[in-house]
Protein backbone atom coordinates (compact mmCIF):
# COMPACT_ATOMS: atom_id res chain seq x y z
CA MET A 1 9.17 -39.86 -1.88
CA HIS A 2 12.37 -40.11 -4.39
CA GLY A 3 14.00 -42.94 -3.47
CA GLU A 4 14.77 -45.93 -6.43
CA ILE A 5 14.36 -48.94 -3.86
CA LEU A 6 10.65 -49.18 -4.10
CA ASN A 7 10.16 -47.96 -7.68
CA SER A 8 8.08 -50.71 -9.50
CA LEU A 9 5.60 -50.80 -5.88
CA ARG A 10 5.69 -46.50 -6.53
CA ASP A 11 4.79 -47.25 -10.13
CA ARG A 12 1.74 -49.48 -9.03
CA ILE A 13 0.42 -47.40 -6.27
CA THR A 14 0.55 -43.82 -7.68
CA LYS A 15 -2.00 -45.02 -10.48
CA PHE A 16 -4.50 -44.02 -8.03
CA LYS A 17 -4.67 -40.04 -7.30
CA PHE A 18 -4.66 -40.42 -3.69
CA PHE A 19 -1.55 -41.93 -3.53
CA ARG A 20 0.07 -40.09 -6.30
CA GLU A 21 -0.45 -36.73 -4.03
CA LEU A 22 0.45 -38.55 -1.06
CA LEU A 23 3.52 -39.26 -2.20
CA SER A 24 4.22 -35.84 -3.85
CA CYS A 25 4.53 -34.24 -0.59
CA ALA A 26 7.06 -34.70 2.15
CA LEU A 27 5.22 -33.55 5.32
CA CYS A 28 1.95 -35.54 3.79
CA THR A 29 4.31 -38.78 3.32
CA GLY A 30 5.66 -38.50 7.10
CA PHE A 31 2.57 -37.98 8.48
CA TRP A 32 0.94 -40.50 7.16
CA THR A 33 3.48 -43.04 7.76
CA GLY A 34 3.99 -41.94 11.48
CA LEU A 35 -0.07 -42.38 11.54
CA ILE A 36 0.18 -46.00 10.27
CA LEU A 37 3.26 -47.02 12.29
CA SER A 38 2.14 -45.29 15.73
CA VAL A 39 -0.89 -47.74 16.59
CA GLY A 40 -0.69 -46.36 20.18
CA SER A 41 1.03 -43.22 20.11
CA PRO A 42 -0.21 -40.14 18.30
CA THR A 43 2.85 -37.92 19.08
CA LEU A 44 4.64 -40.41 16.87
CA THR A 45 2.81 -39.47 13.77
CA LEU A 46 3.91 -35.56 14.32
CA TYR A 47 7.34 -36.48 14.96
CA SER A 48 7.41 -38.80 11.77
CA SER A 49 6.15 -35.66 9.94
CA ALA A 50 8.45 -33.19 10.99
CA THR A 51 11.30 -35.48 10.88
CA CYS A 52 10.37 -36.42 7.42
CA TYR A 53 10.12 -33.06 6.19
CA LEU A 54 13.24 -31.46 7.80
CA LEU A 55 15.07 -34.56 6.17
CA TYR A 56 13.57 -33.79 3.01
CA LEU A 57 14.65 -29.79 3.22
CA ILE A 58 18.41 -30.71 4.54
CA THR A 59 18.67 -33.01 1.60
CA GLU A 60 17.41 -30.18 -1.06
CA ILE A 61 19.55 -27.70 0.30
CA LEU A 62 22.70 -30.09 -0.05
CA ILE A 63 21.58 -31.10 -3.66
CA ASN A 64 21.28 -27.51 -4.49
CA TYR A 65 24.59 -26.70 -2.92
CA ALA A 66 26.40 -29.66 -4.71
CA TYR A 67 24.36 -29.09 -8.28
CA PRO A 68 23.89 -25.54 -8.33
CA GLU A 69 21.51 -24.33 -11.24
CA PRO A 70 23.90 -22.31 -13.95
CA SER A 71 23.32 -18.97 -14.05
CA ASP A 72 21.92 -17.08 -16.87
CA VAL A 73 24.35 -14.36 -16.91
């Protein structure tokens, strides 16, 4: 979702509304990636979705802890 490795590919893909919405949601990205990769195992889709979302939440917590928003007080 936020990585810089595939920026050029992401820029080309997100010209289409479907892919732009897909890559804006950690849960959606994990689900569809898992669905594509799990040709014969549907449970991998759910594991991929949950793992992607949990990693996203952990990353957001760590980023907010390392770089807190300045308080207005």
